[in-house]
Amino acid sequence: MSLASALANGESNGLRNQGPQTLDTDRLRATLSTALHDHWRLFLIEGVVPIALGAAAVVVQPIASVAVTIFVGWLSFLVGGAGLITTLISKQVPGFRYSLCTAALVLSVGAVLLWWPLRGAESLQ
């Protein structure tokens, strides 16, 4: 059977087309309703906790700044280290010196932010 005749007959890879899929909205609504009813406390907690943490970050702004500084420091340190390792592994790639300098700079920035997080928080504000 040719491809044109298979398509004309509604076949694809030897399987007949079953027609459009219908969505059983009543069953979907019942399933969602049951899930919300059974787990409403978890959904409430999932909404309240980020709001509480955001409010705490606004109220205790210096601590939140230091926490963000430490996070950015670890992120920079790990990304710089990974960049340094991958750059040293692939020495034959064009732009080797640029990649090496960039990775070393990002690693150094991460180390500085981790070593002096209060000064880093001041610089990030």
PDB file of N, CA and C in Angstrom:
ATOM      1  N   MET A   1       0.858  -1.175   0.000  1.00  0.00           N
ATOM      2  CA  MET A   1       0.000   0.000   0.000  1.00  0.00           C
ATOM      3  C   MET A   1       0.900   1.233   0.000  1.00  0.00           C
ATOM      4  N   SER A   2       0.570   2.205  -0.822  1.00  0.00           N
ATOM      5  CA  SER A   2       1.378   3.411  -0.904  1.00  0.00           C
ATOM      6  C   SER A   2       1.045   4.346   0.253  1.00  0.00           C
ATOM      7  N   LEU A   3       1.932   5.306   0.459  1.00  0.00           N
ATOM      8  CA  LEU A   3       1.737   6.267   1.542  1.00  0.00           C
ATOM      9  C   LEU A   3       0.491   7.115   1.303  1.00  0.00           C
ATOM     10  N   ALA A   4       0.254   7.505   0.041  1.00  0.00           N
ATOM     11  CA  ALA A   4      -0.909   8.339  -0.273  1.00  0.00           C
ATOM     12  C   ALA A   4      -2.211   7.595   0.018  1.00  0.00           C
ATOM     13  N   SER A   5      -2.264   6.309  -0.332  1.00  0.00           N
ATOM     14  CA  SER A   5      -3.500   5.567  -0.076  1.00  0.00           C
ATOM     15  C   SER A   5      -3.677   5.288   1.416  1.00  0.00           C
ATOM     16  N   ALA A   6      -2.572   5.104   2.138  1.00  0.00           N
ATOM     17  CA  ALA A   6      -2.668   4.885   3.582  1.00  0.00           C
ATOM     18  C   ALA A   6      -3.197   6.133   4.270  1.00  0.00           C
ATOM     19  N   LEU A   7      -2.709   7.301   3.834  1.00  0.00           N
ATOM     20  CA  LEU A   7      -3.198   8.549   4.412  1.00  0.00           C
ATOM     21  C   LEU A   7      -4.663   8.799   4.048  1.00  0.00           C
ATOM     22  N   ALA A   8      -5.027   8.450   2.845  1.00  0.00           N
ATOM     23  CA  ALA A   8      -6.410   8.630   2.410  1.00  0.00           C
ATOM     24  C   ALA A   8      -7.357   7.743   3.215  1.00  0.00           C
ATOM     25  N   ASN A   9      -6.881   6.556   3.601  1.00  0.00           N
ATOM     26  CA  ASN A   9      -7.708   5.647   4.399  1.00  0.00           C
ATOM     27  C   ASN A   9      -7.636   5.938   5.899  1.00  0.00           C
ATOM     28  N   GLY A  10      -6.848   6.941   6.278  1.00  0.00           N
ATOM     29  CA  GLY A  10      -6.753   7.291   7.693  1.00  0.00           C
ATOM     30  C   GLY A  10      -5.796   6.406   8.465  1.00  0.00           C
ATOM     31  N   GLU A  11      -4.869   5.770   7.773  1.00  0.00           N
ATOM     32  CA  GLU A  11      -3.927   4.890   8.450  1.00  0.00           C
ATOM     33  C   GLU A  11      -2.598   5.602   8.630  1.00  0.00           C
ATOM     34  N   SER A  12      -1.928   5.288   9.703  1.00  0.00           N
ATOM     35  CA  SER A  12      -0.598   5.813   9.971  1.00  0.00           C
ATOM     36  C   SER A  12       0.207   4.708  10.614  1.00  0.00           C
ATOM     37  N   ASN A  13       1.268   4.294   9.974  1.00  0.00           N
ATOM     38  CA  ASN A  13       2.120   3.205  10.455  1.00  0.00           C
ATOM     39  C   ASN A  13       1.317   1.931  10.676  1.00  0.00           C
ATOM     40  N   GLY A  14       0.354   1.671   9.821  1.00  0.00           N
ATOM     41  CA  GLY A  14      -0.413   0.439   9.918  1.00  0.00           C
ATOM     42  C   GLY A  14      -1.548   0.494  10.927  1.00  0.00           C
ATOM     43  N   LEU A  15      -1.744   1.605  11.596  1.00  0.00           N
ATOM     44  CA  LEU A  15      -2.823   1.730  12.583  1.00  0.00           C
ATOM     45  C   LEU A  15      -3.911   2.626  12.018  1.00  0.00           C
ATOM     46  N   ARG A  16      -5.145   2.259  12.240  1.00  0.00           N
ATOM     47  CA  ARG A  16      -6.254   3.097  11.790  1.00  0.00           C
ATOM     48  C   ARG A  16      -6.450   4.245  12.777  1.00  0.00           C
ATOM     49  N   ASN A  17      -6.847   5.389  12.241  1.00  0.00           N
ATOM     50  CA  ASN A  17      -7.128   6.552  13.062  1.00  0.00           C
ATOM     51  C   ASN A  17      -8.398   6.292  13.867  1.00  0.00           C
ATOM     52  N   GLN A  18      -8.337   6.511  15.146  1.00  0.00           N
ATOM     53  CA  GLN A  18      -9.472   6.255  16.013  1.00  0.00           C
ATOM     54  C   GLN A  18     -10.421   7.442  16.113  1.00  0.00           C
ATOM     55  N   GLY A  19     -10.118   8.539  15.465  1.00  0.00           N
ATOM     56  CA  GLY A  19     -10.968   9.715  15.530  1.00  0.00           C
ATOM     57  C   GLY A  19     -10.511  10.633  16.647  1.00  0.00           C
ATOM     58  N   PRO A  20     -11.138  11.790  16.772  1.00  0.00           N
ATOM     59  CA  PRO A  20     -10.704  12.742  17.793  1.00  0.00           C
ATOM     60  C   PRO A  20     -10.971  12.206  19.202  1.00  0.00           C
ATOM     61  N   GLN A  21     -10.040  12.504  20.091  1.00  0.00           N
ATOM     62  CA  GLN A  21     -10.199  12.107  21.484  1.00  0.00           C
ATOM     63  C   GLN A  21     -11.164  13.087  22.149  1.00  0.00           C
ATOM     64  N   THR A  22     -12.079  12.572  22.929  1.00  0.00           N
ATOM     65  CA  THR A  22     -13.003  13.441  23.646  1.00  0.00           C
ATOM     66  C   THR A  22     -12.571  13.529  25.096  1.00  0.00           C
ATOM     67  N   LEU A  23     -12.777  14.683  25.668  1.00  0.00           N
ATOM     68  CA  LEU A  23     -12.400  14.928  27.048  1.00  0.00           C
ATOM     69  C   LEU A  23     -13.632  14.787  27.924  1.00  0.00           C
ATOM     70  N   ASP A  24     -13.547  13.929  28.887  1.00  0.00           N
ATOM     71  CA  ASP A  24     -14.650  13.711  29.815  1.00  0.00           C
ATOM     72  C   ASP A  24     -14.533  14.762  30.920  1.00  0.00           C
ATOM     73  N   THR A  25     -15.196  15.918  30.711  1.00  0.00           N
ATOM     74  CA  THR A  25     -15.058  17.028  31.640  1.00  0.00           C
ATOM     75  C   THR A  25     -15.674  16.730  33.000  1.00  0.00           C
ATOM     76  N   ASP A  26     -16.732  15.946  33.030  1.00  0.00           N
ATOM     77  CA  ASP A  26     -17.348  15.619  34.322  1.00  0.00           C
ATOM     78  C   ASP A  26     -16.407  14.781  35.181  1.00  0.00           C
ATOM     79  N   ARG A  27     -15.743  13.814  34.561  1.00  0.00           N
ATOM     80  CA  ARG A  27     -14.805  12.980  35.311  1.00  0.00           C
ATOM     81  C   ARG A  27     -13.596  13.793  35.758  1.00  0.00           C
ATOM     82  N   LEU A  28     -13.118  14.704  34.884  1.00  0.00           N
ATOM     83  CA  LEU A  28     -12.000  15.564  35.232  1.00  0.00           C
ATOM     84  C   LEU A  28     -12.366  16.474  36.402  1.00  0.00           C
ATOM     85  N   ARG A  29     -13.553  17.061  36.347  1.00  0.00           N
ATOM     86  CA  ARG A  29     -14.014  17.944  37.420  1.00  0.00           C
ATOM     87  C   ARG A  29     -14.130  17.175  38.734  1.00  0.00           C
ATOM     88  N   ALA A  30     -14.640  15.952  38.684  1.00  0.00           N
ATOM     89  CA  ALA A  30     -14.776  15.147  39.891  1.00  0.00           C
ATOM     90  C   ALA A  30     -13.416  14.770  40.464  1.00  0.00           C
ATOM     91  N   THR A  31     -12.467  14.434  39.591  1.00  0.00           N
ATOM     92  CA  THR A  31     -11.126  14.075  40.052  1.00  0.00           C
ATOM     93  C   THR A  31     -10.435  15.264  40.705  1.00  0.00           C
ATOM     94  N   LEU A  32     -10.530  16.435  40.085  1.00  0.00           N
ATOM     95  CA  LEU A  32      -9.930  17.636  40.668  1.00  0.00           C
ATOM     96  C   LEU A  32     -10.595  18.011  41.978  1.00  0.00           C
ATOM     97  N   SER A  33     -11.898  17.895  42.035  1.00  0.00           N
ATOM     98  CA  SER A  33     -12.623  18.210  43.260  1.00  0.00           C
ATOM     99  C   SER A  33     -12.210  17.285  44.396  1.00  0.00           C
ATOM    100  N   THR A  34     -12.066  16.006  44.088  1.00  0.00           N
ATOM    101  CA  THR A  34     -11.640  15.045  45.099  1.00  0.00           C
ATOM    102  C   THR A  34     -10.221  15.341  45.571  1.00  0.00           C
ATOM    103  N   ALA A  35      -9.330  15.659  44.636  1.00  0.00           N
ATOM    104  CA  ALA A  35      -7.948  15.956  45.002  1.00  0.00           C
ATOM    105  C   ALA A  35      -7.868  17.204  45.874  1.00  0.00           C
ATOM    106  N   LEU A  36      -8.614  18.248  45.507  1.00  0.00           N
ATOM    107  CA  LEU A  36      -8.623  19.464  46.324  1.00  0.00           C
ATOM    108  C   LEU A  36      -9.215  19.205  47.702  1.00  0.00           C
ATOM    109  N   HIS A  37     -10.257  18.411  47.761  1.00  0.00           N
ATOM    110  CA  HIS A  37     -10.888  18.113  49.041  1.00  0.00           C
ATOM    111  C   HIS A  37      -9.961  17.305  49.943  1.00  0.00           C
ATOM    112  N   ASP A  38      -9.259  16.342  49.352  1.00  0.00           N
ATOM    113  CA  ASP A  38      -8.395  15.470  50.139  1.00  0.00           C
ATOM    114  C   ASP A  38      -7.108  16.157  50.587  1.00  0.00           C
ATOM    115  N   HIS A  39      -6.611  17.107  49.803  1.00  0.00           N
ATOM    116  CA  HIS A  39      -5.299  17.696  50.083  1.00  0.00           C
ATOM    117  C   HIS A  39      -5.356  19.211  50.259  1.00  0.00           C
ATOM    118  N   TRP A  40      -6.455  19.751  50.749  1.00  0.00           N
ATOM    119  CA  TRP A  40      -6.594  21.196  50.839  1.00  0.00           C
ATOM    120  C   TRP A  40      -5.579  21.802  51.797  1.00  0.00           C
ATOM    121  N   ARG A  41      -5.195  21.074  52.839  1.00  0.00           N
ATOM    122  CA  ARG A  41      -4.216  21.609  53.793  1.00  0.00           C
ATOM    123  C   ARG A  41      -2.856  21.815  53.121  1.00  0.00           C
ATOM    124  N   LEU A  42      -2.464  20.868  52.276  1.00  0.00           N
ATOM    125  CA  LEU A  42      -1.184  21.006  51.579  1.00  0.00           C
ATOM    126  C   LEU A  42      -1.205  22.196  50.617  1.00  0.00           C
ATOM    127  N   PHE A  43      -2.306  22.391  49.912  1.00  0.00           N
ATOM    128  CA  PHE A  43      -2.417  23.536  49.010  1.00  0.00           C
ATOM    129  C   PHE A  43      -2.384  24.848  49.792  1.00  0.00           C
ATOM    130  N   LEU A  44      -3.007  24.863  50.968  1.00  0.00           N
ATOM    131  CA  LEU A  44      -2.992  26.058  51.810  1.00  0.00           C
ATOM    132  C   LEU A  44      -1.572  26.360  52.281  1.00  0.00           C
ATOM    133  N   ILE A  45      -0.870  25.323  52.747  1.00  0.00           N
ATOM    134  CA  ILE A  45       0.506  25.504  53.203  1.00  0.00           C
ATOM    135  C   ILE A  45       1.388  25.971  52.051  1.00  0.00           C
ATOM    136  N   GLU A  46       1.169  25.401  50.867  1.00  0.00           N
ATOM    137  CA  GLU A  46       1.960  25.776  49.703  1.00  0.00           C
ATOM    138  C   GLU A  46       1.756  27.246  49.330  1.00  0.00           C
ATOM    139  N   GLY A  47       0.643  27.804  49.678  1.00  0.00           N
ATOM    140  CA  GLY A  47       0.411  29.218  49.417  1.00  0.00           C
ATOM    141  C   GLY A  47       0.855  30.118  50.551  1.00  0.00           C
ATOM    142  N   VAL A  48       0.699  29.662  51.796  1.00  0.00           N
ATOM    143  CA  VAL A  48       1.005  30.506  52.952  1.00  0.00           C
ATOM    144  C   VAL A  48       2.514  30.625  53.183  1.00  0.00           C
ATOM    145  N   VAL A  49       3.246  29.536  53.009  1.00  0.00           N
ATOM    146  CA  VAL A  49       4.682  29.551  53.307  1.00  0.00           C
ATOM    147  C   VAL A  49       5.437  30.569  52.448  1.00  0.00           C
ATOM    148  N   PRO A  50       5.263  30.627  51.128  1.00  0.00           N
ATOM    149  CA  PRO A  50       5.984  31.662  50.367  1.00  0.00           C
ATOM    150  C   PRO A  50       5.595  33.083  50.757  1.00  0.00           C
ATOM    151  N   ILE A  51       4.328  33.279  51.096  1.00  0.00           N
ATOM    152  CA  ILE A  51       3.907  34.612  51.533  1.00  0.00           C
ATOM    153  C   ILE A  51       4.584  34.977  52.847  1.00  0.00           C
ATOM    154  N   ALA A  52       4.651  34.034  53.778  1.00  0.00           N
ATOM    155  CA  ALA A  52       5.308  34.287  55.064  1.00  0.00           C
ATOM    156  C   ALA A  52       6.804  34.535  54.880  1.00  0.00           C
ATOM    157  N   LEU A  53       7.447  33.753  54.029  1.00  0.00           N
ATOM    158  CA  LEU A  53       8.879  33.960  53.791  1.00  0.00           C
ATOM    159  C   LEU A  53       9.144  35.296  53.102  1.00  0.00           C
ATOM    160  N   GLY A  54       8.285  35.684  52.181  1.00  0.00           N
ATOM    161  CA  GLY A  54       8.432  36.992  51.538  1.00  0.00           C
ATOM    162  C   GLY A  54       8.240  38.130  52.525  1.00  0.00           C
ATOM    163  N   ALA A  55       7.255  38.004  53.409  1.00  0.00           N
ATOM    164  CA  ALA A  55       7.042  39.033  54.437  1.00  0.00           C
ATOM    165  C   ALA A  55       8.228  39.095  55.391  1.00  0.00           C
ATOM    166  N   ALA A  56       8.767  37.939  55.752  1.00  0.00           N
ATOM    167  CA  ALA A  56       9.934  37.918  56.633  1.00  0.00           C
ATOM    168  C   ALA A  56      11.140  38.559  55.955  1.00  0.00           C
ATOM    169  N   ALA A  57      11.281  38.342  54.652  1.00  0.00           N
ATOM    170  CA  ALA A  57      12.393  38.947  53.923  1.00  0.00           C
ATOM    171  C   ALA A  57      12.267  40.462  53.875  1.00  0.00           C
ATOM    172  N   VAL A  58      11.047  40.959  53.836  1.00  0.00           N
ATOM    173  CA  VAL A  58      10.847  42.414  53.849  1.00  0.00           C
ATOM    174  C   VAL A  58      11.111  42.984  55.235  1.00  0.00           C
ATOM    175  N   VAL A  59      10.642  42.281  56.264  1.00  0.00           N
ATOM    176  CA  VAL A  59      10.789  42.774  57.635  1.00  0.00           C
ATOM    177  C   VAL A  59      12.244  42.698  58.090  1.00  0.00           C
ATOM    178  N   VAL A  60      12.898  41.600  57.799  1.00  0.00           N
ATOM    179  CA  VAL A  60      14.265  41.381  58.255  1.00  0.00           C
ATOM    180  C   VAL A  60      15.192  41.477  57.041  1.00  0.00           C
ATOM    181  N   GLN A  61      15.196  42.638  56.409  1.00  0.00           N
ATOM    182  CA  GLN A  61      15.898  42.840  55.155  1.00  0.00           C
ATOM    183  C   GLN A  61      17.401  42.591  55.244  1.00  0.00           C
ATOM    184  N   PRO A  62      18.098  42.983  56.295  1.00  0.00           N
ATOM    185  CA  PRO A  62      19.542  42.712  56.332  1.00  0.00           C
ATOM    186  C   PRO A  62      19.873  41.213  56.325  1.00  0.00           C
ATOM    187  N   ILE A  63      19.104  40.421  57.032  1.00  0.00           N
ATOM    188  CA  ILE A  63      19.356  38.981  57.052  1.00  0.00           C
ATOM    189  C   ILE A  63      19.050  38.382  55.681  1.00  0.00           C
ATOM    190  N   ALA A  64      17.970  38.846  55.052  1.00  0.00           N
ATOM    191  CA  ALA A  64      17.639  38.360  53.718  1.00  0.00           C
ATOM    192  C   ALA A  64      18.723  38.742  52.717  1.00  0.00           C
ATOM    193  N   SER A  65      19.299  39.919  52.855  1.00  0.00           N
ATOM    194  CA  SER A  65      20.378  40.346  51.952  1.00  0.00           C
ATOM    195  C   SER A  65      21.603  39.457  52.106  1.00  0.00           C
ATOM    196  N   VAL A  66      21.948  39.131  53.337  1.00  0.00           N
ATOM    197  CA  VAL A  66      23.101  38.255  53.566  1.00  0.00           C
ATOM    198  C   VAL A  66      22.809  36.851  53.036  1.00  0.00           C
ATOM    199  N   ALA A  67      21.582  36.375  53.208  1.00  0.00           N
ATOM    200  CA  ALA A  67      21.226  35.052  52.688  1.00  0.00           C
ATOM    201  C   ALA A  67      21.317  35.016  51.166  1.00  0.00           C
ATOM    202  N   VAL A  68      20.845  36.063  50.504  1.00  0.00           N
ATOM    203  CA  VAL A  68      20.939  36.128  49.042  1.00  0.00           C
ATOM    204  C   VAL A  68      22.402  36.233  48.614  1.00  0.00           C
ATOM    205  N   THR A  69      23.191  36.985  49.360  1.00  0.00           N
ATOM    206  CA  THR A  69      24.613  37.106  49.048  1.00  0.00           C
ATOM    207  C   THR A  69      25.313  35.755  49.147  1.00  0.00           C
ATOM    208  N   ILE A  70      25.007  35.002  50.189  1.00  0.00           N
ATOM    209  CA  ILE A  70      25.614  33.682  50.341  1.00  0.00           C
ATOM    210  C   ILE A  70      25.162  32.759  49.210  1.00  0.00           C
ATOM    211  N   PHE A  71      23.891  32.829  48.848  1.00  0.00           N
ATOM    212  CA  PHE A  71      23.392  32.017  47.740  1.00  0.00           C
ATOM    213  C   PHE A  71      24.098  32.376  46.437  1.00  0.00           C
ATOM    214  N   VAL A  72      24.196  33.655  46.130  1.00  0.00           N
ATOM    215  CA  VAL A  72      24.866  34.100  44.913  1.00  0.00           C
ATOM    216  C   VAL A  72      26.352  33.724  44.956  1.00  0.00           C
ATOM    217  N   GLY A  73      26.951  33.792  46.145  1.00  0.00           N
ATOM    218  CA  GLY A  73      28.350  33.405  46.293  1.00  0.00           C
ATOM    219  C   GLY A  73      28.564  31.940  45.983  1.00  0.00           C
ATOM    220  N   TRP A  74      27.724  31.067  46.552  1.00  0.00           N
ATOM    221  CA  TRP A  74      27.856  29.636  46.265  1.00  0.00           C
ATOM    222  C   TRP A  74      27.586  29.340  44.796  1.00  0.00           C
ATOM    223  N   LEU A  75      26.579  30.000  44.256  1.00  0.00           N
ATOM    224  CA  LEU A  75      26.259  29.793  42.847  1.00  0.00           C
ATOM    225  C   LEU A  75      27.433  30.197  41.958  1.00  0.00           C
ATOM    226  N   SER A  76      28.014  31.361  42.221  1.00  0.00           N
ATOM    227  CA  SER A  76      29.162  31.828  41.434  1.00  0.00           C
ATOM    228  C   SER A  76      30.363  30.919  41.625  1.00  0.00           C
ATOM    229  N   PHE A  77      30.597  30.495  42.852  1.00  0.00           N
ATOM    230  CA  PHE A  77      31.736  29.632  43.142  1.00  0.00           C
ATOM    231  C   PHE A  77      31.614  28.305  42.400  1.00  0.00           C
ATOM    232  N   LEU A  78      30.420  27.697  42.448  1.00  0.00           N
ATOM    233  CA  LEU A  78      30.227  26.411  41.784  1.00  0.00           C
ATOM    234  C   LEU A  78      30.262  26.539  40.262  1.00  0.00           C
ATOM    235  N   VAL A  79      29.641  27.577  39.732  1.00  0.00           N
ATOM    236  CA  VAL A  79      29.653  27.783  38.275  1.00  0.00           C
ATOM    237  C   VAL A  79      31.067  28.099  37.794  1.00  0.00           C
ATOM    238  N   GLY A  80      31.785  28.922  38.538  1.00  0.00           N
ATOM    239  CA  GLY A  80      33.169  29.224  38.169  1.00  0.00           C
ATOM    240  C   GLY A  80      34.056  27.994  38.232  1.00  0.00           C
ATOM    241  N   GLY A  81      33.872  27.165  39.257  1.00  0.00           N
ATOM    242  CA  GLY A  81      34.651  25.930  39.352  1.00  0.00           C
ATOM    243  C   GLY A  81      34.339  24.976  38.214  1.00  0.00           C
ATOM    244  N   ALA A  82      33.060  24.826  37.892  1.00  0.00           N
ATOM    245  CA  ALA A  82      32.683  23.958  36.774  1.00  0.00           C
ATOM    246  C   ALA A  82      33.225  24.507  35.454  1.00  0.00           C
ATOM    247  N   GLY A  83      33.165  25.822  35.284  1.00  0.00           N
ATOM    248  CA  GLY A  83      33.712  26.432  34.074  1.00  0.00           C
ATOM    249  C   GLY A  83      35.217  26.259  33.978  1.00  0.00           C
ATOM    250  N   LEU A  84      35.891  26.362  35.109  1.00  0.00           N
ATOM    251  CA  LEU A  84      37.339  26.173  35.127  1.00  0.00           C
ATOM    252  C   LEU A  84      37.710  24.737  34.763  1.00  0.00           C
ATOM    253  N   ILE A  85      36.992  23.785  35.325  1.00  0.00           N
ATOM    254  CA  ILE A  85      37.273  22.373  35.033  1.00  0.00           C
ATOM    255  C   ILE A  85      37.014  22.061  33.562  1.00  0.00           C
ATOM    256  N   THR A  86      35.865  22.494  33.049  1.00  0.00           N
ATOM    257  CA  THR A  86      35.562  22.192  31.642  1.00  0.00           C
ATOM    258  C   THR A  86      36.498  22.917  30.694  1.00  0.00           C
ATOM    259  N   THR A  87      36.945  24.105  31.067  1.00  0.00           N
ATOM    260  CA  THR A  87      37.892  24.830  30.216  1.00  0.00           C
ATOM    261  C   THR A  87      39.248  24.135  30.205  1.00  0.00           C
ATOM    262  N   LEU A  88      39.694  23.671  31.369  1.00  0.00           N
ATOM    263  CA  LEU A  88      40.987  22.987  31.416  1.00  0.00           C
ATOM    264  C   LEU A  88      40.954  21.634  30.715  1.00  0.00           C
ATOM    265  N   ILE A  89      39.794  21.001  30.698  1.00  0.00           N
ATOM    266  CA  ILE A  89      39.674  19.721  29.998  1.00  0.00           C
ATOM    267  C   ILE A  89      39.743  19.921  28.492  1.00  0.00           C
ATOM    268  N   SER A  90      39.168  21.000  27.998  1.00  0.00           N
ATOM    269  CA  SER A  90      39.115  21.234  26.545  1.00  0.00           C
ATOM    270  C   SER A  90      40.046  22.385  26.170  1.00  0.00           C
ATOM    271  N   LYS A  91      41.333  22.124  26.203  1.00  0.00           N
ATOM    272  CA  LYS A  91      42.332  23.165  25.933  1.00  0.00           C
ATOM    273  C   LYS A  91      42.414  23.561  24.462  1.00  0.00           C
ATOM    274  N   GLN A  92      41.942  22.719  23.561  1.00  0.00           N
ATOM    275  CA  GLN A  92      42.076  22.976  22.133  1.00  0.00           C
ATOM    276  C   GLN A  92      40.931  23.818  21.565  1.00  0.00           C
ATOM    277  N   VAL A  93      39.980  24.198  22.395  1.00  0.00           N
ATOM    278  CA  VAL A  93      38.811  24.947  21.934  1.00  0.00           C
ATOM    279  C   VAL A  93      39.201  26.404  21.695  1.00  0.00           C
ATOM    280  N   PRO A  94      38.691  27.017  20.617  1.00  0.00           N
ATOM    281  CA  PRO A  94      38.953  28.447  20.406  1.00  0.00           C
ATOM    282  C   PRO A  94      38.408  29.271  21.576  1.00  0.00           C
ATOM    283  N   GLY A  95      39.116  30.296  21.952  1.00  0.00           N
ATOM    284  CA  GLY A  95      38.704  31.134  23.069  1.00  0.00           C
ATOM    285  C   GLY A  95      39.096  30.549  24.410  1.00  0.00           C
ATOM    286  N   PHE A  96      40.135  29.721  24.435  1.00  0.00           N
ATOM    287  CA  PHE A  96      40.548  29.050  25.668  1.00  0.00           C
ATOM    288  C   PHE A  96      40.932  30.062  26.736  1.00  0.00           C
ATOM    289  N   ARG A  97      41.747  31.051  26.370  1.00  0.00           N
ATOM    290  CA  ARG A  97      42.196  32.040  27.366  1.00  0.00           C
ATOM    291  C   ARG A  97      41.029  32.850  27.915  1.00  0.00           C
ATOM    292  N   TYR A  98      40.127  33.245  27.025  1.00  0.00           N
ATOM    293  CA  TYR A  98      38.952  34.009  27.459  1.00  0.00           C
ATOM    294  C   TYR A  98      38.104  33.182  28.426  1.00  0.00           C
ATOM    295  N   SER A  99      37.856  31.920  28.085  1.00  0.00           N
ATOM    296  CA  SER A  99      37.065  31.055  28.966  1.00  0.00           C
ATOM    297  C   SER A  99      37.762  30.829  30.291  1.00  0.00           C
ATOM    298  N   LEU A 100      39.080  30.678  30.250  1.00  0.00           N
ATOM    299  CA  LEU A 100      39.848  30.470  31.469  1.00  0.00           C
ATOM    300  C   LEU A 100      39.777  31.698  32.376  1.00  0.00           C
ATOM    301  N   CYS A 101      39.945  32.869  31.791  1.00  0.00           N
ATOM    302  CA  CYS A 101      39.874  34.113  32.582  1.00  0.00           C
ATOM    303  C   CYS A 101      38.475  34.338  33.141  1.00  0.00           C
ATOM    304  N   THR A 102      37.459  34.078  32.336  1.00  0.00           N
ATOM    305  CA  THR A 102      36.081  34.271  32.786  1.00  0.00           C
ATOM    306  C   THR A 102      35.742  33.318  33.929  1.00  0.00           C
ATOM    307  N   ALA A 103      36.128  32.057  33.778  1.00  0.00           N
ATOM    308  CA  ALA A 103      35.846  31.074  34.836  1.00  0.00           C
ATOM    309  C   ALA A 103      36.590  31.430  36.110  1.00  0.00           C
ATOM    310  N   ALA A 104      37.843  31.861  35.989  1.00  0.00           N
ATOM    311  CA  ALA A 104      38.614  32.249  37.171  1.00  0.00           C
ATOM    312  C   ALA A 104      38.005  33.473  37.839  1.00  0.00           C
ATOM    313  N   LEU A 105      37.513  34.422  37.051  1.00  0.00           N
ATOM    314  CA  LEU A 105      36.882  35.619  37.611  1.00  0.00           C
ATOM    315  C   LEU A 105      35.599  35.270  38.360  1.00  0.00           C
ATOM    316  N   VAL A 106      34.754  34.431  37.758  1.00  0.00           N
ATOM    317  CA  VAL A 106      33.497  34.043  38.410  1.00  0.00           C
ATOM    318  C   VAL A 106      33.786  33.252  39.687  1.00  0.00           C
ATOM    319  N   LEU A 107      34.776  32.374  39.647  1.00  0.00           N
ATOM    320  CA  LEU A 107      35.176  31.621  40.837  1.00  0.00           C
ATOM    321  C   LEU A 107      35.673  32.565  41.921  1.00  0.00           C
ATOM    322  N   SER A 108      36.450  33.563  41.539  1.00  0.00           N
ATOM    323  CA  SER A 108      36.973  34.529  42.506  1.00  0.00           C
ATOM    324  C   SER A 108      35.868  35.376  43.110  1.00  0.00           C
ATOM    325  N   VAL A 109      34.927  35.811  42.289  1.00  0.00           N
ATOM    326  CA  VAL A 109      33.796  36.598  42.806  1.00  0.00           C
ATOM    327  C   VAL A 109      32.996  35.770  43.812  1.00  0.00           C
ATOM    328  N   GLY A 110      32.749  34.506  43.491  1.00  0.00           N
ATOM    329  CA  GLY A 110      32.044  33.635  44.423  1.00  0.00           C
ATOM    330  C   GLY A 110      32.799  33.467  45.717  1.00  0.00           C
ATOM    331  N   ALA A 111      34.125  33.295  45.644  1.00  0.00           N
ATOM    332  CA  ALA A 111      34.934  33.139  46.857  1.00  0.00           C
ATOM    333  C   ALA A 111      34.899  34.404  47.707  1.00  0.00           C
ATOM    334  N   VAL A 112      34.969  35.568  47.067  1.00  0.00           N
ATOM    335  CA  VAL A 112      34.921  36.833  47.811  1.00  0.00           C
ATOM    336  C   VAL A 112      33.565  37.009  48.491  1.00  0.00           C
ATOM    337  N   LEU A 113      32.484  36.704  47.764  1.00  0.00           N
ATOM    338  CA  LEU A 113      31.155  36.832  48.369  1.00  0.00           C
ATOM    339  C   LEU A 113      30.975  35.873  49.532  1.00  0.00           C
ATOM    340  N   LEU A 114      31.563  34.696  49.454  1.00  0.00           N
ATOM    341  CA  LEU A 114      31.454  33.741  50.565  1.00  0.00           C
ATOM    342  C   LEU A 114      32.373  34.113  51.721  1.00  0.00           C
ATOM    343  N   TRP A 115      33.528  34.694  51.428  1.00  0.00           N
ATOM    344  CA  TRP A 115      34.470  35.043  52.488  1.00  0.00           C
ATOM    345  C   TRP A 115      34.009  36.270  53.268  1.00  0.00           C
ATOM    346  N   TRP A 116      33.446  37.257  52.568  1.00  0.00           N
ATOM    347  CA  TRP A 116      32.948  38.476  53.205  1.00  0.00           C
ATOM    348  C   TRP A 116      31.489  38.711  52.818  1.00  0.00           C
ATOM    349  N   PRO A 117      30.554  37.956  53.377  1.00  0.00           N
ATOM    350  CA  PRO A 117      29.152  38.097  52.953  1.00  0.00           C
ATOM    351  C   PRO A 117      28.530  39.448  53.315  1.00  0.00           C
ATOM    352  N   LEU A 118      28.951  40.077  54.411  1.00  0.00           N
ATOM    353  CA  LEU A 118      28.378  41.380  54.765  1.00  0.00           C
ATOM    354  C   LEU A 118      28.789  42.459  53.763  1.00  0.00           C
ATOM    355  N   ARG A 119      30.052  42.455  53.373  1.00  0.00           N
ATOM    356  CA  ARG A 119      30.494  43.417  52.367  1.00  0.00           C
ATOM    357  C   ARG A 119      29.854  43.103  51.012  1.00  0.00           C
ATOM    358  N   GLY A 120      29.677  41.820  50.751  1.00  0.00           N
ATOM    359  CA  GLY A 120      28.999  41.429  49.517  1.00  0.00           C
ATOM    360  C   GLY A 120      27.559  41.894  49.504  1.00  0.00           C
ATOM    361  N   ALA A 121      26.876  41.824  50.655  1.00  0.00           N
ATOM    362  CA  ALA A 121      25.489  42.297  50.744  1.00  0.00           C
ATOM    363  C   ALA A 121      25.418  43.802  50.495  1.00  0.00           C
ATOM    364  N   GLU A 122      26.413  44.520  51.000  1.00  0.00           N
ATOM    365  CA  GLU A 122      26.447  45.961  50.755  1.00  0.00           C
ATOM    366  C   GLU A 122      26.638  46.255  49.266  1.00  0.00           C
ATOM    367  N   SER A 123      27.482  45.460  48.609  1.00  0.00           N
ATOM    368  CA  SER A 123      27.747  45.719  47.191  1.00  0.00           C
ATOM    369  C   SER A 123      26.569  45.324  46.306  1.00  0.00           C
ATOM    370  N   LEU A 124      25.754  44.345  46.757  1.00  0.00           N
ATOM    371  CA  LEU A 124      24.614  43.912  45.950  1.00  0.00           C
ATOM    372  C   LEU A 124      23.401  44.816  46.125  1.00  0.00           C
ATOM    373  N   GLN A 125      23.405  45.696  47.125  1.00  0.00           N
ATOM    374  CA  GLN A 125      22.230  46.547  47.353  1.00  0.00           C
ATOM    375  C   GLN A 125      22.213  47.722  46.444  1.00  0.00           C
TER     376      GLN A 125
END
